[in-house]
Amino acid sequence: MKSAKVSFDDIHKAFESRIRLGIMAALAVNDSLDFTSLREYLNVSDGNLASHIKMLEKEKFIGIEKSFVDRKPNTKYFMTKEGKKAFDVHLNVLKNILDTQK
């Protein structure tokens, strides 16, 4: 095992929750996803997902697009440029941590 020091300073608190991490991971590989798709993918309740989405929206990591599909409201979420940058930094820190343990 290597004994290099790793900085945890760039790990963003927004991604400490498995649900917020899951939201960002899902949006990283999709242009956008609707609320139902995210809820089913993460296997969480409406309220739980909504609270985590609000937190990511407050950080400006995700954006929201509202529309109507067959007269029903449809809300889609997408990763913002700021969100992509923060998530990439977070993933790189995790990768560096893993690399130092090889």
PDB file of N, CA and C in Angstrom:
ATOM      1  N   MET A   1       0.845  -1.179   0.000  1.00  0.00           N
ATOM      2  CA  MET A   1       0.000   0.000   0.000  1.00  0.00           C
ATOM      3  C   MET A   1       0.890   1.241   0.000  1.00  0.00           C
ATOM      4  N   LYS A   2       0.565   2.185  -0.880  1.00  0.00           N
ATOM      5  CA  LYS A   2       1.302   3.434  -0.944  1.00  0.00           C
ATOM      6  C   LYS A   2       0.910   4.322   0.233  1.00  0.00           C
ATOM      7  N   SER A   3       1.834   5.123   0.686  1.00  0.00           N
ATOM      8  CA  SER A   3       1.486   6.020   1.789  1.00  0.00           C
ATOM      9  C   SER A   3       1.613   7.474   1.342  1.00  0.00           C
ATOM     10  N   ALA A   4       0.853   7.836   0.321  1.00  0.00           N
ATOM     11  CA  ALA A   4       0.819   9.221  -0.143  1.00  0.00           C
ATOM     12  C   ALA A   4      -0.336   9.929   0.542  1.00  0.00           C
ATOM     13  N   LYS A   5      -0.125  11.214   0.781  1.00  0.00           N
ATOM     14  CA  LYS A   5      -1.202  11.993   1.388  1.00  0.00           C
ATOM     15  C   LYS A   5      -2.197  12.387   0.312  1.00  0.00           C
ATOM     16  N   VAL A   6      -3.445  12.315   0.659  1.00  0.00           N
ATOM     17  CA  VAL A   6      -4.518  12.677  -0.262  1.00  0.00           C
ATOM     18  C   VAL A   6      -5.335  13.774   0.384  1.00  0.00           C
ATOM     19  N   SER A   7      -5.662  14.792  -0.411  1.00  0.00           N
ATOM     20  CA  SER A   7      -6.478  15.886   0.099  1.00  0.00           C
ATOM     21  C   SER A   7      -7.951  15.569  -0.107  1.00  0.00           C
ATOM     22  N   PHE A   8      -8.691  15.650   0.969  1.00  0.00           N
ATOM     23  CA  PHE A   8     -10.131  15.438   0.909  1.00  0.00           C
ATOM     24  C   PHE A   8     -10.877  16.760   0.780  1.00  0.00           C
ATOM     25  N   ASP A   9     -10.130  17.843   0.620  1.00  0.00           N
ATOM     26  CA  ASP A   9     -10.726  19.178   0.582  1.00  0.00           C
ATOM     27  C   ASP A   9     -11.691  19.383  -0.580  1.00  0.00           C
ATOM     28  N   ASP A  10     -11.449  18.706  -1.694  1.00  0.00           N
ATOM     29  CA  ASP A  10     -12.290  18.903  -2.875  1.00  0.00           C
ATOM     30  C   ASP A  10     -13.486  17.963  -2.941  1.00  0.00           C
ATOM     31  N   ILE A  11     -13.678  17.150  -1.914  1.00  0.00           N
ATOM     32  CA  ILE A  11     -14.886  16.328  -1.853  1.00  0.00           C
ATOM     33  C   ILE A  11     -16.015  17.250  -1.415  1.00  0.00           C
ATOM     34  N   HIS A  12     -17.029  17.333  -2.242  1.00  0.00           N
ATOM     35  CA  HIS A  12     -18.126  18.257  -1.963  1.00  0.00           C
ATOM     36  C   HIS A  12     -19.161  17.584  -1.065  1.00  0.00           C
ATOM     37  N   LYS A  13     -19.582  18.286  -0.026  1.00  0.00           N
ATOM     38  CA  LYS A  13     -20.572  17.750   0.908  1.00  0.00           C
ATOM     39  C   LYS A  13     -21.877  17.386   0.223  1.00  0.00           C
ATOM     40  N   ALA A  14     -22.186  18.059  -0.878  1.00  0.00           N
ATOM     41  CA  ALA A  14     -23.434  17.785  -1.598  1.00  0.00           C
ATOM     42  C   ALA A  14     -23.497  16.342  -2.085  1.00  0.00           C
ATOM     43  N   PHE A  15     -22.344  15.728  -2.281  1.00  0.00           N
ATOM     44  CA  PHE A  15     -22.316  14.368  -2.824  1.00  0.00           C
ATOM     45  C   PHE A  15     -22.095  13.295  -1.754  1.00  0.00           C
ATOM     46  N   GLU A  16     -22.176  13.664  -0.487  1.00  0.00           N
ATOM     47  CA  GLU A  16     -21.996  12.677   0.579  1.00  0.00           C
ATOM     48  C   GLU A  16     -23.193  11.747   0.714  1.00  0.00           C
ATOM     49  N   SER A  17     -24.351  12.200   0.314  1.00  0.00           N
ATOM     50  CA  SER A  17     -25.560  11.372   0.376  1.00  0.00           C
ATOM     51  C   SER A  17     -25.596  10.424  -0.821  1.00  0.00           C
ATOM     52  N   ARG A  18     -25.945   9.186  -0.591  1.00  0.00           N
ATOM     53  CA  ARG A  18     -26.025   8.221  -1.693  1.00  0.00           C
ATOM     54  C   ARG A  18     -27.091   8.624  -2.695  1.00  0.00           C
ATOM     55  N   ILE A  19     -28.136   9.289  -2.230  1.00  0.00           N
ATOM     56  CA  ILE A  19     -29.211   9.697  -3.137  1.00  0.00           C
ATOM     57  C   ILE A  19     -28.741  10.842  -4.032  1.00  0.00           C
ATOM     58  N   ARG A  20     -28.092  11.842  -3.458  1.00  0.00           N
ATOM     59  CA  ARG A  20     -27.585  12.949  -4.277  1.00  0.00           C
ATOM     60  C   ARG A  20     -26.481  12.469  -5.211  1.00  0.00           C
ATOM     61  N   LEU A  21     -25.645  11.573  -4.734  1.00  0.00           N
ATOM     62  CA  LEU A  21     -24.613  10.980  -5.585  1.00  0.00           C
ATOM     63  C   LEU A  21     -25.270  10.216  -6.730  1.00  0.00           C
ATOM     64  N   GLY A  22     -26.336   9.489  -6.432  1.00  0.00           N
ATOM     65  CA  GLY A  22     -27.069   8.741  -7.456  1.00  0.00           C
ATOM     66  C   GLY A  22     -27.734   9.647  -8.470  1.00  0.00           C
ATOM     67  N   ILE A  23     -28.312  10.748  -8.009  1.00  0.00           N
ATOM     68  CA  ILE A  23     -28.941  11.715  -8.916  1.00  0.00           C
ATOM     69  C   ILE A  23     -27.897  12.240  -9.889  1.00  0.00           C
ATOM     70  N   MET A  24     -26.763  12.659  -9.347  1.00  0.00           N
ATOM     71  CA  MET A  24     -25.712  13.220 -10.196  1.00  0.00           C
ATOM     72  C   MET A  24     -25.145  12.182 -11.154  1.00  0.00           C
ATOM     73  N   ALA A  25     -24.971  10.956 -10.693  1.00  0.00           N
ATOM     74  CA  ALA A  25     -24.452   9.904 -11.562  1.00  0.00           C
ATOM     75  C   ALA A  25     -25.430   9.619 -12.700  1.00  0.00           C
ATOM     76  N   ALA A  26     -26.710   9.564 -12.379  1.00  0.00           N
ATOM     77  CA  ALA A  26     -27.721   9.307 -13.402  1.00  0.00           C
ATOM     78  C   ALA A  26     -27.769  10.444 -14.417  1.00  0.00           C
ATOM     79  N   LEU A  27     -27.659  11.683 -13.939  1.00  0.00           N
ATOM     80  CA  LEU A  27     -27.700  12.829 -14.844  1.00  0.00           C
ATOM     81  C   LEU A  27     -26.396  12.992 -15.622  1.00  0.00           C
ATOM     82  N   ALA A  28     -25.320  12.438 -15.108  1.00  0.00           N
ATOM     83  CA  ALA A  28     -24.034  12.510 -15.808  1.00  0.00           C
ATOM     84  C   ALA A  28     -24.061  11.692 -17.100  1.00  0.00           C
ATOM     85  N   VAL A  29     -24.888  10.655 -17.126  1.00  0.00           N
ATOM     86  CA  VAL A  29     -24.924   9.786 -18.309  1.00  0.00           C
ATOM     87  C   VAL A  29     -26.209   9.934 -19.112  1.00  0.00           C
ATOM     88  N   ASN A  30     -27.061  10.864 -18.721  1.00  0.00           N
ATOM     89  CA  ASN A  30     -28.300  11.159 -19.440  1.00  0.00           C
ATOM     90  C   ASN A  30     -28.407  12.668 -19.615  1.00  0.00           C
ATOM     91  N   ASP A  31     -28.921  13.103 -20.754  1.00  0.00           N
ATOM     92  CA  ASP A  31     -29.111  14.546 -20.969  1.00  0.00           C
ATOM     93  C   ASP A  31     -30.076  15.120 -19.943  1.00  0.00           C
ATOM     94  N   SER A  32     -31.141  14.374 -19.667  1.00  0.00           N
ATOM     95  CA  SER A  32     -32.114  14.763 -18.650  1.00  0.00           C
ATOM     96  C   SER A  32     -32.921  13.539 -18.257  1.00  0.00           C
ATOM     97  N   LEU A  33     -33.517  13.599 -17.082  1.00  0.00           N
ATOM     98  CA  LEU A  33     -34.386  12.528 -16.589  1.00  0.00           C
ATOM     99  C   LEU A  33     -35.567  13.155 -15.877  1.00  0.00           C
ATOM    100  N   ASP A  34     -36.727  12.521 -15.990  1.00  0.00           N
ATOM    101  CA  ASP A  34     -37.887  13.048 -15.286  1.00  0.00           C
ATOM    102  C   ASP A  34     -37.917  12.514 -13.859  1.00  0.00           C
ATOM    103  N   PHE A  35     -38.775  13.118 -13.062  1.00  0.00           N
ATOM    104  CA  PHE A  35     -38.863  12.798 -11.640  1.00  0.00           C
ATOM    105  C   PHE A  35     -39.135  11.307 -11.417  1.00  0.00           C
ATOM    106  N   THR A  36     -40.084  10.765 -12.172  1.00  0.00           N
ATOM    107  CA  THR A  36     -40.459   9.356 -12.004  1.00  0.00           C
ATOM    108  C   THR A  36     -39.292   8.432 -12.311  1.00  0.00           C
ATOM    109  N   SER A  37     -38.569   8.721 -13.372  1.00  0.00           N
ATOM    110  CA  SER A  37     -37.412   7.885 -13.736  1.00  0.00           C
ATOM    111  C   SER A  37     -36.354   7.911 -12.647  1.00  0.00           C
ATOM    112  N   LEU A  38     -36.064   9.106 -12.122  1.00  0.00           N
ATOM    113  CA  LEU A  38     -35.085   9.205 -11.036  1.00  0.00           C
ATOM    114  C   LEU A  38     -35.559   8.458  -9.797  1.00  0.00           C
ATOM    115  N   ARG A  39     -36.829   8.612  -9.453  1.00  0.00           N
ATOM    116  CA  ARG A  39     -37.378   7.951  -8.265  1.00  0.00           C
ATOM    117  C   ARG A  39     -37.271   6.434  -8.387  1.00  0.00           C
ATOM    118  N   GLU A  40     -37.622   5.914  -9.555  1.00  0.00           N
ATOM    119  CA  GLU A  40     -37.561   4.461  -9.757  1.00  0.00           C
ATOM    120  C   GLU A  40     -36.126   3.959  -9.798  1.00  0.00           C
ATOM    121  N   TYR A  41     -35.252   4.705 -10.451  1.00  0.00           N
ATOM    122  CA  TYR A  41     -33.843   4.320 -10.548  1.00  0.00           C
ATOM    123  C   TYR A  41     -33.196   4.243  -9.172  1.00  0.00           C
ATOM    124  N   LEU A  42     -33.511   5.240  -8.319  1.00  0.00           N
ATOM    125  CA  LEU A  42     -32.891   5.307  -6.994  1.00  0.00           C
ATOM    126  C   LEU A  42     -33.669   4.564  -5.922  1.00  0.00           C
ATOM    127  N   ASN A  43     -34.900   4.148  -6.255  1.00  0.00           N
ATOM    128  CA  ASN A  43     -35.752   3.406  -5.324  1.00  0.00           C
ATOM    129  C   ASN A  43     -35.956   4.177  -4.018  1.00  0.00           C
ATOM    130  N   VAL A  44     -36.441   5.422  -4.179  1.00  0.00           N
ATOM    131  CA  VAL A  44     -36.709   6.287  -3.028  1.00  0.00           C
ATOM    132  C   VAL A  44     -38.131   6.831  -3.113  1.00  0.00           C
ATOM    133  N   SER A  45     -38.597   7.394  -2.018  1.00  0.00           N
ATOM    134  CA  SER A  45     -39.940   7.983  -1.997  1.00  0.00           C
ATOM    135  C   SER A  45     -39.932   9.343  -2.692  1.00  0.00           C
ATOM    136  N   ASP A  46     -41.115   9.814  -3.046  1.00  0.00           N
ATOM    137  CA  ASP A  46     -41.251  11.129  -3.678  1.00  0.00           C
ATOM    138  C   ASP A  46     -40.647  12.227  -2.807  1.00  0.00           C
ATOM    139  N   GLY A  47     -41.010  12.218  -1.537  1.00  0.00           N
ATOM    140  CA  GLY A  47     -40.541  13.259  -0.622  1.00  0.00           C
ATOM    141  C   GLY A  47     -39.038  13.235  -0.433  1.00  0.00           C
ATOM    142  N   ASN A  48     -38.488  12.046  -0.324  1.00  0.00           N
ATOM    143  CA  ASN A  48     -37.046  11.907  -0.150  1.00  0.00           C
ATOM    144  C   ASN A  48     -36.314  12.435  -1.381  1.00  0.00           C
ATOM    145  N   LEU A  49     -36.769  12.029  -2.557  1.00  0.00           N
ATOM    146  CA  LEU A  49     -36.137  12.498  -3.788  1.00  0.00           C
ATOM    147  C   LEU A  49     -36.272  14.012  -3.921  1.00  0.00           C
ATOM    148  N   ALA A  50     -37.462  14.533  -3.644  1.00  0.00           N
ATOM    149  CA  ALA A  50     -37.706  15.978  -3.769  1.00  0.00           C
ATOM    150  C   ALA A  50     -36.772  16.788  -2.881  1.00  0.00           C
ATOM    151  N   SER A  51     -36.547  16.336  -1.659  1.00  0.00           N
ATOM    152  CA  SER A  51     -35.672  17.097  -0.755  1.00  0.00           C
ATOM    153  C   SER A  51     -34.227  17.094  -1.242  1.00  0.00           C
ATOM    154  N   HIS A  52     -33.769  15.979  -1.793  1.00  0.00           N
ATOM    155  CA  HIS A  52     -32.399  15.909  -2.299  1.00  0.00           C
ATOM    156  C   HIS A  52     -32.255  16.726  -3.584  1.00  0.00           C
ATOM    157  N   ILE A  53     -33.280  16.716  -4.421  1.00  0.00           N
ATOM    158  CA  ILE A  53     -33.266  17.527  -5.636  1.00  0.00           C
ATOM    159  C   ILE A  53     -33.193  19.007  -5.276  1.00  0.00           C
ATOM    160  N   LYS A  54     -33.972  19.415  -4.270  1.00  0.00           N
ATOM    161  CA  LYS A  54     -33.956  20.823  -3.848  1.00  0.00           C
ATOM    162  C   LYS A  54     -32.567  21.248  -3.405  1.00  0.00           C
ATOM    163  N   MET A  55     -31.883  20.379  -2.687  1.00  0.00           N
ATOM    164  CA  MET A  55     -30.544  20.702  -2.213  1.00  0.00           C
ATOM    165  C   MET A  55     -29.588  20.881  -3.394  1.00  0.00           C
ATOM    166  N   LEU A  56     -29.658  19.980  -4.371  1.00  0.00           N
ATOM    167  CA  LEU A  56     -28.783  20.080  -5.543  1.00  0.00           C
ATOM    168  C   LEU A  56     -29.142  21.294  -6.399  1.00  0.00           C
ATOM    169  N   GLU A  57     -30.423  21.615  -6.447  1.00  0.00           N
ATOM    170  CA  GLU A  57     -30.861  22.794  -7.187  1.00  0.00           C
ATOM    171  C   GLU A  57     -30.350  24.066  -6.490  1.00  0.00           C
ATOM    172  N   LYS A  58     -30.414  24.085  -5.174  1.00  0.00           N
ATOM    173  CA  LYS A  58     -29.925  25.233  -4.396  1.00  0.00           C
ATOM    174  C   LYS A  58     -28.436  25.465  -4.649  1.00  0.00           C
ATOM    175  N   GLU A  59     -27.687  24.389  -4.808  1.00  0.00           N
ATOM    176  CA  GLU A  59     -26.254  24.475  -5.107  1.00  0.00           C
ATOM    177  C   GLU A  59     -26.000  24.842  -6.574  1.00  0.00           C
ATOM    178  N   LYS A  60     -27.079  24.880  -7.370  1.00  0.00           N
ATOM    179  CA  LYS A  60     -27.013  25.144  -8.810  1.00  0.00           C
ATOM    180  C   LYS A  60     -26.288  24.023  -9.561  1.00  0.00           C
ATOM    181  N   PHE A  61     -26.395  22.804  -9.031  1.00  0.00           N
ATOM    182  CA  PHE A  61     -25.783  21.647  -9.678  1.00  0.00           C
ATOM    183  C   PHE A  61     -26.733  20.979 -10.665  1.00  0.00           C
ATOM    184  N   ILE A  62     -28.019  21.181 -10.475  1.00  0.00           N
ATOM    185  CA  ILE A  62     -29.001  20.647 -11.426  1.00  0.00           C
ATOM    186  C   ILE A  62     -29.977  21.745 -11.806  1.00  0.00           C
ATOM    187  N   GLY A  63     -30.510  21.607 -13.006  1.00  0.00           N
ATOM    188  CA  GLY A  63     -31.519  22.526 -13.486  1.00  0.00           C
ATOM    189  C   GLY A  63     -32.823  21.783 -13.691  1.00  0.00           C
ATOM    190  N   ILE A  64     -33.893  22.541 -13.809  1.00  0.00           N
ATOM    191  CA  ILE A  64     -35.228  21.950 -13.931  1.00  0.00           C
ATOM    192  C   ILE A  64     -35.899  22.509 -15.178  1.00  0.00           C
ATOM    193  N   GLU A  65     -36.561  21.611 -15.891  1.00  0.00           N
ATOM    194  CA  GLU A  65     -37.341  21.998 -17.062  1.00  0.00           C
ATOM    195  C   GLU A  65     -38.746  21.440 -16.889  1.00  0.00           C
ATOM    196  N   LYS A  66     -39.727  22.330 -16.817  1.00  0.00           N
ATOM    197  CA  LYS A  66     -41.113  21.894 -16.620  1.00  0.00           C
ATOM    198  C   LYS A  66     -41.867  22.009 -17.935  1.00  0.00           C
ATOM    199  N   SER A  67     -42.712  21.002 -18.202  1.00  0.00           N
ATOM    200  CA  SER A  67     -43.527  21.001 -19.414  1.00  0.00           C
ATOM    201  C   SER A  67     -44.777  20.178 -19.156  1.00  0.00           C
ATOM    202  N   PHE A  68     -45.586  20.038 -20.178  1.00  0.00           N
ATOM    203  CA  PHE A  68     -46.767  19.195 -20.099  1.00  0.00           C
ATOM    204  C   PHE A  68     -46.666  18.112 -21.160  1.00  0.00           C
ATOM    205  N   VAL A  69     -46.993  16.883 -20.759  1.00  0.00           N
ATOM    206  CA  VAL A  69     -47.053  15.756 -21.680  1.00  0.00           C
ATOM    207  C   VAL A  69     -48.459  15.196 -21.576  1.00  0.00           C
ATOM    208  N   ASP A  70     -49.190  15.250 -22.678  1.00  0.00           N
ATOM    209  CA  ASP A  70     -50.598  14.812 -22.674  1.00  0.00           C
ATOM    210  C   ASP A  70     -51.380  15.480 -21.546  1.00  0.00           C
ATOM    211  N   ARG A  71     -51.200  16.775 -21.403  1.00  0.00           N
ATOM    212  CA  ARG A  71     -51.887  17.604 -20.407  1.00  0.00           C
ATOM    213  C   ARG A  71     -51.505  17.296 -18.955  1.00  0.00           C
ATOM    214  N   LYS A  72     -50.466  16.494 -18.772  1.00  0.00           N
ATOM    215  CA  LYS A  72     -49.978  16.200 -17.422  1.00  0.00           C
ATOM    216  C   LYS A  72     -48.653  16.922 -17.228  1.00  0.00           C
ATOM    217  N   PRO A  73     -48.445  17.488 -16.038  1.00  0.00           N
ATOM    218  CA  PRO A  73     -47.163  18.153 -15.796  1.00  0.00           C
ATOM    219  C   PRO A  73     -46.014  17.153 -15.814  1.00  0.00           C
ATOM    220  N   ASN A  74     -44.912  17.567 -16.410  1.00  0.00           N
ATOM    221  CA  ASN A  74     -43.724  16.722 -16.485  1.00  0.00           C
ATOM    222  C   ASN A  74     -42.523  17.576 -16.104  1.00  0.00           C
ATOM    223  N   THR A  75     -41.769  17.113 -15.131  1.00  0.00           N
ATOM    224  CA  THR A  75     -40.587  17.836 -14.677  1.00  0.00           C
ATOM    225  C   THR A  75     -39.353  17.015 -15.001  1.00  0.00           C
ATOM    226  N   LYS A  76     -38.448  17.630 -15.747  1.00  0.00           N
ATOM    227  CA  LYS A  76     -37.188  16.968 -16.092  1.00  0.00           C
ATOM    228  C   LYS A  76     -36.045  17.709 -15.423  1.00  0.00           C
ATOM    229  N   TYR A  77     -35.013  16.960 -15.094  1.00  0.00           N
ATOM    230  CA  TYR A  77     -33.839  17.496 -14.435  1.00  0.00           C
ATOM    231  C   TYR A  77     -32.624  17.252 -15.308  1.00  0.00           C
ATOM    232  N   PHE A  78     -31.688  18.186 -15.258  1.00  0.00           N
ATOM    233  CA  PHE A  78     -30.456  18.055 -16.018  1.00  0.00           C
ATOM    234  C   PHE A  78     -29.305  18.611 -15.186  1.00  0.00           C
ATOM    235  N   MET A  79     -28.103  18.169 -15.501  1.00  0.00           N
ATOM    236  CA  MET A  79     -26.924  18.637 -14.791  1.00  0.00           C
ATOM    237  C   MET A  79     -26.467  19.957 -15.410  1.00  0.00           C
ATOM    238  N   THR A  80     -26.214  20.946 -14.577  1.00  0.00           N
ATOM    239  CA  THR A  80     -25.718  22.230 -15.053  1.00  0.00           C
ATOM    240  C   THR A  80     -24.204  22.156 -15.284  1.00  0.00           C
ATOM    241  N   LYS A  81     -23.656  23.187 -15.907  1.00  0.00           N
ATOM    242  CA  LYS A  81     -22.203  23.243 -16.101  1.00  0.00           C
ATOM    243  C   LYS A  81     -21.486  23.242 -14.757  1.00  0.00           C
ATOM    244  N   GLU A  82     -22.049  24.013 -13.799  1.00  0.00           N
ATOM    245  CA  GLU A  82     -21.453  24.054 -12.455  1.00  0.00           C
ATOM    246  C   GLU A  82     -21.511  22.682 -11.792  1.00  0.00           C
ATOM    247  N   GLY A  83     -22.627  21.991 -11.987  1.00  0.00           N
ATOM    248  CA  GLY A  83     -22.788  20.658 -11.424  1.00  0.00           C
ATOM    249  C   GLY A  83     -21.819  19.663 -12.024  1.00  0.00           C
ATOM    250  N   LYS A  84     -21.642  19.735 -13.332  1.00  0.00           N
ATOM    251  CA  LYS A  84     -20.710  18.822 -14.000  1.00  0.00           C
ATOM    252  C   LYS A  84     -19.299  19.056 -13.501  1.00  0.00           C
ATOM    253  N   LYS A  85     -18.926  20.340 -13.378  1.00  0.00           N
ATOM    254  CA  LYS A  85     -17.579  20.654 -12.900  1.00  0.00           C
ATOM    255  C   LYS A  85     -17.361  20.136 -11.476  1.00  0.00           C
ATOM    256  N   ALA A  86     -18.315  20.411 -10.581  1.00  0.00           N
ATOM    257  CA  ALA A  86     -18.198  19.967  -9.185  1.00  0.00           C
ATOM    258  C   ALA A  86     -18.186  18.444  -9.092  1.00  0.00           C
ATOM    259  N   PHE A  87     -19.023  17.789  -9.889  1.00  0.00           N
ATOM    260  CA  PHE A  87     -19.091  16.326  -9.856  1.00  0.00           C
ATOM    261  C   PHE A  87     -17.803  15.717 -10.409  1.00  0.00           C
ATOM    262  N   ASP A  88     -17.259  16.296 -11.477  1.00  0.00           N
ATOM    263  CA  ASP A  88     -15.995  15.806 -12.034  1.00  0.00           C
ATOM    264  C   ASP A  88     -14.860  15.943 -11.029  1.00  0.00           C
ATOM    265  N   VAL A  89     -14.812  17.080 -10.332  1.00  0.00           N
ATOM    266  CA  VAL A  89     -13.784  17.282  -9.304  1.00  0.00           C
ATOM    267  C   VAL A  89     -13.933  16.223  -8.214  1.00  0.00           C
ATOM    268  N   HIS A  90     -15.168  16.004  -7.775  1.00  0.00           N
ATOM    269  CA  HIS A  90     -15.458  15.012  -6.735  1.00  0.00           C
ATOM    270  C   HIS A  90     -14.986  13.620  -7.175  1.00  0.00           C
ATOM    271  N   LEU A  91     -15.334  13.240  -8.395  1.00  0.00           N
ATOM    272  CA  LEU A  91     -14.937  11.923  -8.901  1.00  0.00           C
ATOM    273  C   LEU A  91     -13.423  11.798  -9.022  1.00  0.00           C
ATOM    274  N   ASN A  92     -12.760  12.874  -9.436  1.00  0.00           N
ATOM    275  CA  ASN A  92     -11.297  12.837  -9.548  1.00  0.00           C
ATOM    276  C   ASN A  92     -10.631  12.676  -8.187  1.00  0.00           C
ATOM    277  N   VAL A  93     -11.184  13.320  -7.162  1.00  0.00           N
ATOM    278  CA  VAL A  93     -10.645  13.148  -5.811  1.00  0.00           C
ATOM    279  C   VAL A  93     -10.792  11.693  -5.381  1.00  0.00           C
ATOM    280  N   LEU A  94     -11.974  11.122  -5.614  1.00  0.00           N
ATOM    281  CA  LEU A  94     -12.179   9.717  -5.251  1.00  0.00           C
ATOM    282  C   LEU A  94     -11.220   8.802  -6.014  1.00  0.00           C
ATOM    283  N   LYS A  95     -11.021   9.090  -7.300  1.00  0.00           N
ATOM    284  CA  LYS A  95     -10.095   8.291  -8.114  1.00  0.00           C
ATOM    285  C   LYS A  95      -8.679   8.402  -7.546  1.00  0.00           C
ATOM    286  N   ASN A  96      -8.276   9.617  -7.180  1.00  0.00           N
ATOM    287  CA  ASN A  96      -6.935   9.808  -6.611  1.00  0.00           C
ATOM    288  C   ASN A  96      -6.773   9.053  -5.296  1.00  0.00           C
ATOM    289  N   ILE A  97      -7.816   9.046  -4.492  1.00  0.00           N
ATOM    290  CA  ILE A  97      -7.765   8.286  -3.236  1.00  0.00           C
ATOM    291  C   ILE A  97      -7.558   6.813  -3.526  1.00  0.00           C
ATOM    292  N   LEU A  98      -8.322   6.288  -4.487  1.00  0.00           N
ATOM    293  CA  LEU A  98      -8.181   4.878  -4.843  1.00  0.00           C
ATOM    294  C   LEU A  98      -6.811   4.588  -5.425  1.00  0.00           C
ATOM    295  N   ASP A  99      -6.314   5.482  -6.260  1.00  0.00           N
ATOM    296  CA  ASP A  99      -4.984   5.274  -6.888  1.00  0.00           C
ATOM    297  C   ASP A  99      -3.870   5.232  -5.859  1.00  0.00           C
ATOM    298  N   THR A 100      -3.996   6.005  -4.776  1.00  0.00           N
ATOM    299  CA  THR A 100      -2.938   6.006  -3.765  1.00  0.00           C
ATOM    300  C   THR A 100      -2.943   4.717  -2.949  1.00  0.00           C
ATOM    301  N   GLN A 101      -4.017   3.963  -3.045  1.00  0.00           N
ATOM    302  CA  GLN A 101      -4.123   2.725  -2.265  1.00  0.00           C
ATOM    303  C   GLN A 101      -3.667   1.506  -3.059  1.00  0.00           C
ATOM    304  N   LYS A 102      -3.254   1.702  -4.302  1.00  0.00           N
ATOM    305  CA  LYS A 102      -2.814   0.562  -5.146  1.00  0.00           C
ATOM    306  C   LYS A 102      -1.404   0.192  -4.857  1.00  0.00           C
TER     307      LYS A 102
END
